[in-house]
Amino acid sequence: MIPPRPPLILTRPPAQALHWAQALDELGVPTLALPLMAIEAKCDPATLQAKEAIVARLAHYHAIMHVSSNAVQYFWDLTAQRAWQEASAAGQAPRLWSPGPGTTRSLLALGFAQDTIDQPDLARSSQFDSEALWHTVHTQISGGARVLIVRGSTHGALPNAVQSPDAGLEGNGRLWLSRTLQQHGAVVELLSVYERRAPAWQTSHLTIVDLAAQGACIWLFNSSEAVEQLTERFPKHNWRSHSAIATHPRIGQTLLDKGFAKVLHCLPTPEALAQTWTAAIQSL
């Protein structure tokens, strides 16, 4: 059943979409789920070997940057958590960097203390991204500081290994952070621990696309790759009649480039999304 008010179409992977659906429901925002990405752990031998080597020398890193909640989930297994606890007991634990509240929430759920985590100032930041994080952590970096960026990759990429400095680094903000760290003398290593895959399309998903074209639903995009998955699935579709909310200007620009004419922006928090959803309804 379609709710009487235009629901937000949640395009995130199922586990993350469930969290957003619950939070938005408490704020009176109806939602529909149409995952535009599937997430799987990377378990190839190169990845496992690279991760094992990193965990064995965890105390050598000044900081670990997690690009998303998925990075937290797929890096911090029990072995990695024990290694961090041992490094912490010795006063050598790396700082835990997070680009926003969702990633921070995932770290806290694993038992990491708030004072071990660095994230953008939620009260002052106009965006939650790598650039905003840098304003928080830049004073930590000096020549020789070693920073690990834990990330994902798109299915079909080359086998994983610890990489340096920018090889295969996806996402404008992550590339910017990697280069900025290097410019300040840091040694940057990259580790991909999960893969983004194309979604499994179902008949109900096609119905949602049709409803969105009629103004009966509003898209919510948290990644440019989700936009790409949708528009590649329907290469001849006219997106001008669709309304969308983007949680970052880069995502909004991707939507505009793909033909969306009605795009609003907001921070990726339930409260901001609820306010922007209300504004989107009024603009229909």
Protein backbone atom coordinates (compact mmCIF):
# COMPACT_ATOMS: atom_id res chain seq x y z
CA MET A 1 0.00 0.00 0.00
CA ILE A 2 1.29 3.47 -0.91
CA PRO A 3 1.00 6.00 1.96
CA PRO A 4 -1.27 9.02 1.30
CA ARG A 5 1.70 11.42 1.39
CA PRO A 6 4.58 11.03 -1.09
CA PRO A 7 7.05 8.70 0.64
CA LEU A 8 10.81 8.96 0.48
CA ILE A 9 12.38 6.22 -1.62
CA LEU A 10 15.36 4.92 0.36
CA THR A 11 18.06 3.86 -2.08
CA ARG A 12 20.68 2.68 0.42
CA PRO A 13 21.56 -1.01 0.97
CA PRO A 14 18.90 -2.89 2.99
CA ALA A 15 20.59 -2.80 6.42
CA GLN A 16 21.19 0.95 6.27
CA ALA A 17 17.79 1.63 4.75
CA LEU A 18 16.15 -0.12 7.72
CA HIS A 19 17.81 2.27 10.17
CA TRP A 20 16.71 5.29 8.15
CA ALA A 21 13.17 3.94 7.79
CA GLN A 22 12.85 3.57 11.57
CA ALA A 23 14.29 7.01 12.31
CA LEU A 24 12.14 8.73 9.68
CA ASP A 25 9.01 6.90 10.77
CA GLU A 26 9.41 8.42 14.23
CA LEU A 27 9.39 11.84 12.55
CA GLY A 28 6.27 11.07 10.54
CA VAL A 29 8.01 10.55 7.20
CA PRO A 30 6.73 7.54 5.19
CA THR A 31 9.33 5.56 3.27
CA LEU A 32 9.69 2.94 0.58
CA ALA A 33 12.79 0.78 0.08
CA LEU A 34 14.43 0.44 -3.31
CA PRO A 35 18.07 -0.53 -2.66
CA LEU A 36 20.21 0.63 -5.55
CA MET A 37 23.33 -1.07 -4.25
CA ALA A 38 24.21 -4.42 -2.76
CA ILE A 39 27.14 -4.60 -0.35
CA GLU A 40 29.33 -7.66 0.16
CA ALA A 41 32.52 -8.27 2.11
CA LYS A 42 35.70 -8.70 0.08
CA CYS A 43 37.09 -12.12 0.92
CA ASP A 44 39.64 -12.70 -1.84
CA PRO A 45 43.11 -13.85 -0.73
CA ALA A 46 44.77 -10.49 -1.52
CA THR A 47 42.28 -8.60 0.64
CA LEU A 48 42.53 -11.02 3.55
CA GLN A 49 46.33 -10.98 3.42
CA ALA A 50 46.44 -7.18 3.26
CA LYS A 51 44.04 -6.80 6.17
CA GLU A 52 45.93 -9.34 8.28
CA ALA A 53 49.15 -7.39 7.77
CA ILE A 54 47.46 -4.12 8.73
CA VAL A 55 45.88 -5.53 11.88
CA ALA A 56 49.24 -6.97 12.94
CA ARG A 57 50.74 -3.45 12.93
CA LEU A 58 47.69 -1.45 13.92
CA ALA A 59 49.64 0.58 16.48
CA HIS A 60 51.84 1.95 13.68
CA TYR A 61 48.96 4.04 12.30
CA HIS A 62 48.18 7.51 13.56
CA ALA A 63 44.60 7.31 12.31
CA ILE A 64 42.14 5.08 10.50
CA MET A 65 39.69 6.87 8.23
CA HIS A 66 36.39 5.01 7.66
CA VAL A 67 34.65 6.27 4.53
CA SER A 68 31.26 4.86 5.58
CA SER A 69 29.39 2.64 8.02
CA ASN A 70 30.15 -0.28 5.71
CA ALA A 71 33.86 0.36 6.16
CA VAL A 72 33.37 0.08 9.91
CA GLN A 73 31.34 -3.10 9.63
CA TYR A 74 33.71 -4.95 7.31
CA PHE A 75 37.02 -3.87 8.85
CA TRP A 76 36.43 -4.23 12.57
CA ASP A 77 36.06 -7.95 13.09
CA LEU A 78 36.92 -9.44 16.48
CA THR A 79 40.60 -9.83 15.60
CA ALA A 80 40.89 -6.18 14.60
CA GLN A 81 39.02 -5.03 17.71
CA ARG A 82 41.35 -7.03 19.95
CA ALA A 83 44.37 -5.52 18.20
CA TRP A 84 42.98 -2.02 18.78
CA GLN A 85 42.34 -2.77 22.45
CA GLU A 86 45.92 -3.99 22.87
CA ALA A 87 47.23 -0.87 21.16
CA SER A 88 44.99 1.28 23.34
CA ALA A 89 46.28 -0.38 26.52
CA ALA A 90 49.79 0.52 25.38
CA GLY A 91 48.78 4.10 24.59
CA GLN A 92 49.34 3.53 20.87
CA ALA A 93 45.82 3.19 19.44
CA PRO A 94 45.14 5.06 16.20
CA ARG A 95 42.53 7.77 16.11
CA LEU A 96 39.25 6.72 14.50
CA TRP A 97 38.16 9.16 11.80
CA SER A 98 34.55 9.40 10.66
CA PRO A 99 33.04 11.67 7.97
CA GLY A 100 29.65 11.91 9.68
CA PRO A 101 27.20 10.78 12.36
CA GLY A 102 26.18 7.54 10.63
CA THR A 103 29.72 6.21 10.56
CA THR A 104 30.30 7.44 14.10
CA ARG A 105 27.17 5.63 15.25
CA SER A 106 28.55 2.38 13.79
CA LEU A 107 31.83 2.83 15.67
CA LEU A 108 30.02 3.54 18.93
CA ALA A 109 27.88 0.43 18.43
CA LEU A 110 31.05 -1.67 18.39
CA GLY A 111 32.06 -0.26 21.77
CA PHE A 112 34.58 2.39 20.75
CA ALA A 113 34.49 5.37 23.09
CA GLN A 114 33.34 8.74 21.79
CA ASP A 115 36.65 10.36 22.77
CA THR A 116 38.56 8.04 20.42
CA ILE A 117 36.55 9.23 17.39
CA ASP A 118 37.06 12.38 15.31
CA GLN A 119 34.22 13.65 13.11
CA PRO A 120 33.14 17.00 11.64
CA ASP A 121 31.66 19.50 14.07
CA LEU A 122 27.97 18.65 13.76
CA ALA A 123 26.88 22.10 14.91
CA ARG A 124 29.08 24.02 12.47
CA SER A 125 29.49 21.82 9.41
CA SER A 126 27.36 22.51 6.37
CA GLN A 127 28.30 19.06 5.04
CA PHE A 128 29.47 15.78 6.50
CA ASP A 129 32.34 14.76 4.24
CA SER A 130 36.11 14.47 3.94
CA GLU A 131 36.61 18.21 3.61
CA ALA A 132 34.67 18.92 6.81
CA LEU A 133 36.55 16.15 8.62
CA TRP A 134 39.88 17.68 7.62
CA HIS A 135 39.00 20.87 9.51
CA THR A 136 38.70 18.72 12.63
CA VAL A 137 41.81 16.55 12.25
CA HIS A 138 44.34 18.67 10.35
CA THR A 139 46.24 19.64 13.52
CA GLN A 140 46.93 15.95 14.19
CA ILE A 141 49.00 15.46 11.05
CA SER A 142 52.74 15.95 10.88
CA GLY A 143 55.43 14.57 8.62
CA GLY A 144 55.53 10.77 8.59
CA ALA A 145 52.10 10.24 10.16
CA ARG A 146 50.61 7.05 8.72
CA VAL A 147 46.89 7.12 7.86
CA LEU A 148 44.85 4.14 6.70
CA ILE A 149 41.75 4.82 4.59
CA VAL A 150 39.27 1.94 4.82
CA ARG A 151 36.88 1.99 1.90
CA GLY A 152 34.84 -0.01 -0.60
CA SER A 153 35.26 -0.72 -4.27
CA THR A 154 32.98 -1.44 -7.17
CA HIS A 155 32.55 -5.07 -8.18
CA GLY A 156 34.88 -6.00 -10.98
CA ALA A 157 37.82 -3.89 -9.80
CA LEU A 158 41.30 -5.38 -9.66
CA PRO A 159 42.21 -7.64 -6.68
CA ASN A 160 42.81 -5.70 -3.51
CA ALA A 161 46.08 -4.89 -1.82
CA VAL A 162 47.35 -2.11 0.40
CA GLN A 163 47.78 0.75 -2.04
CA SER A 164 49.51 4.09 -2.05
CA PRO A 165 48.94 6.88 -2.66
CA ASP A 166 45.76 7.25 -4.78
CA ALA A 167 45.52 4.05 -6.83
CA GLY A 168 41.90 3.07 -7.27
CA LEU A 169 40.61 5.60 -4.75
CA GLU A 170 36.99 6.27 -5.66
CA GLY A 171 35.02 9.37 -4.68
CA ASN A 172 36.06 12.99 -5.08
CA GLY A 173 36.15 13.68 -1.34
CA ARG A 174 38.31 10.64 -0.57
CA LEU A 175 40.73 11.49 -3.32
CA TRP A 176 40.91 15.06 -2.02
CA LEU A 177 41.59 13.86 1.53
CA SER A 178 44.26 11.42 0.38
CA ARG A 179 46.10 14.11 -1.54
CA THR A 180 45.71 16.68 1.22
CA LEU A 181 47.17 14.25 3.77
CA GLN A 182 50.15 13.60 1.51
CA GLN A 183 50.69 17.32 0.99
CA HIS A 184 51.00 17.63 4.77
CA GLY A 185 53.60 14.86 4.94
CA ALA A 186 51.39 11.91 5.86
CA VAL A 187 51.86 8.42 4.47
CA VAL A 188 48.49 7.21 3.13
CA GLU A 189 47.50 3.57 2.71
CA LEU A 190 44.22 2.31 1.26
CA LEU A 191 42.36 -0.87 2.02
CA SER A 192 39.13 -1.92 0.32
CA VAL A 193 37.12 -4.26 2.56
CA TYR A 194 33.75 -4.40 0.77
CA GLU A 195 32.31 -4.35 -2.71
CA ARG A 196 29.40 -2.41 -4.13
CA ARG A 197 27.36 -4.47 -6.56
CA ALA A 198 24.38 -3.83 -8.80
CA PRO A 199 21.01 -4.41 -7.10
CA ALA A 200 18.71 -7.31 -7.80
CA TRP A 201 15.77 -5.65 -9.58
CA GLN A 202 12.26 -6.80 -8.75
CA THR A 203 8.85 -6.05 -10.27
CA SER A 204 7.92 -3.95 -7.23
CA HIS A 205 10.96 -1.74 -7.88
CA LEU A 206 9.75 -0.94 -11.37
CA THR A 207 6.41 0.09 -9.91
CA ILE A 208 8.16 2.52 -7.56
CA VAL A 209 9.98 4.12 -10.50
CA ASP A 210 6.65 4.64 -12.25
CA LEU A 211 5.13 6.19 -9.12
CA ALA A 212 8.08 8.55 -8.75
CA ALA A 213 7.58 9.71 -12.33
CA GLN A 214 4.00 10.66 -11.39
CA GLY A 215 5.11 12.68 -8.35
CA ALA A 216 3.79 10.04 -5.96
CA CYS A 217 7.23 9.42 -4.43
CA ILE A 218 10.39 11.41 -3.72
CA TRP A 219 13.85 9.93 -4.20
CA LEU A 220 16.49 10.09 -1.46
CA PHE A 221 20.07 9.63 -2.67
CA ASN A 222 23.05 9.20 -0.34
CA SER A 223 25.55 8.30 -3.06
CA SER A 224 26.27 9.21 -6.66
CA GLU A 225 26.78 5.54 -7.47
CA ALA A 226 23.14 4.85 -6.58
CA VAL A 227 22.15 7.53 -9.10
CA GLU A 228 24.30 5.83 -11.71
CA GLN A 229 22.76 2.42 -10.99
CA LEU A 230 19.25 3.80 -11.41
CA THR A 231 19.85 5.77 -14.58
CA GLU A 232 21.88 3.00 -16.22
CA ARG A 233 19.00 0.61 -15.55
CA PHE A 234 16.65 2.97 -17.44
CA PRO A 235 18.87 4.61 -20.07
CA LYS A 236 15.98 6.11 -22.07
CA HIS A 237 13.90 7.31 -19.12
CA ASN A 238 13.08 11.02 -18.81
CA TRP A 239 13.92 12.03 -15.23
CA ARG A 240 12.69 15.64 -15.43
CA SER A 241 9.41 14.88 -13.66
CA HIS A 242 11.12 13.15 -10.71
CA SER A 243 11.78 14.89 -7.39
CA ALA A 244 14.91 14.00 -5.41
CA ILE A 245 16.74 14.88 -2.21
CA ALA A 246 20.55 14.64 -2.23
CA THR A 247 22.64 14.53 0.94
CA HIS A 248 25.69 16.14 -0.68
CA PRO A 249 26.17 18.73 -3.45
CA ARG A 250 28.22 16.26 -5.51
CA ILE A 251 25.29 13.84 -5.49
CA GLY A 252 22.94 16.68 -6.41
CA GLN A 253 25.14 17.59 -9.36
CA THR A 254 25.10 13.98 -10.56
CA LEU A 255 21.30 14.05 -10.44
CA LEU A 256 21.19 17.26 -12.47
CA ASP A 257 23.64 15.81 -14.97
CA LYS A 258 21.34 12.80 -15.39
CA GLY A 259 18.32 14.98 -16.12
CA PHE A 260 16.60 15.43 -12.75
CA ALA A 261 15.07 18.90 -12.67
CA LYS A 262 13.80 18.95 -9.07
CA VAL A 263 16.68 18.41 -6.63
CA LEU A 264 16.86 19.58 -3.01
CA HIS A 265 19.85 19.26 -0.69
CA CYS A 266 20.14 18.51 3.01
CA LEU A 267 22.43 17.02 5.63
CA PRO A 268 22.17 13.24 6.13
CA THR A 269 20.31 13.40 9.45
CA PRO A 270 16.72 12.28 10.06
CA GLU A 271 15.69 15.73 11.24
CA ALA A 272 17.13 17.50 8.20
CA LEU A 273 15.60 14.94 5.88
CA ALA A 274 12.17 15.35 7.47
CA GLN A 275 12.31 19.12 6.95
CA THR A 276 13.53 18.80 3.37
CA TRP A 277 10.89 16.15 2.59
CA THR A 278 8.21 18.60 3.73
CA ALA A 279 9.70 21.27 1.46
CA ALA A 280 9.82 18.80 -1.43
CA ILE A 281 6.11 17.98 -1.00
CA GLN A 282 5.23 21.66 -1.10
CA SER A 283 7.16 22.06 -4.36
CA LEU A 284 5.36 19.21 -6.15
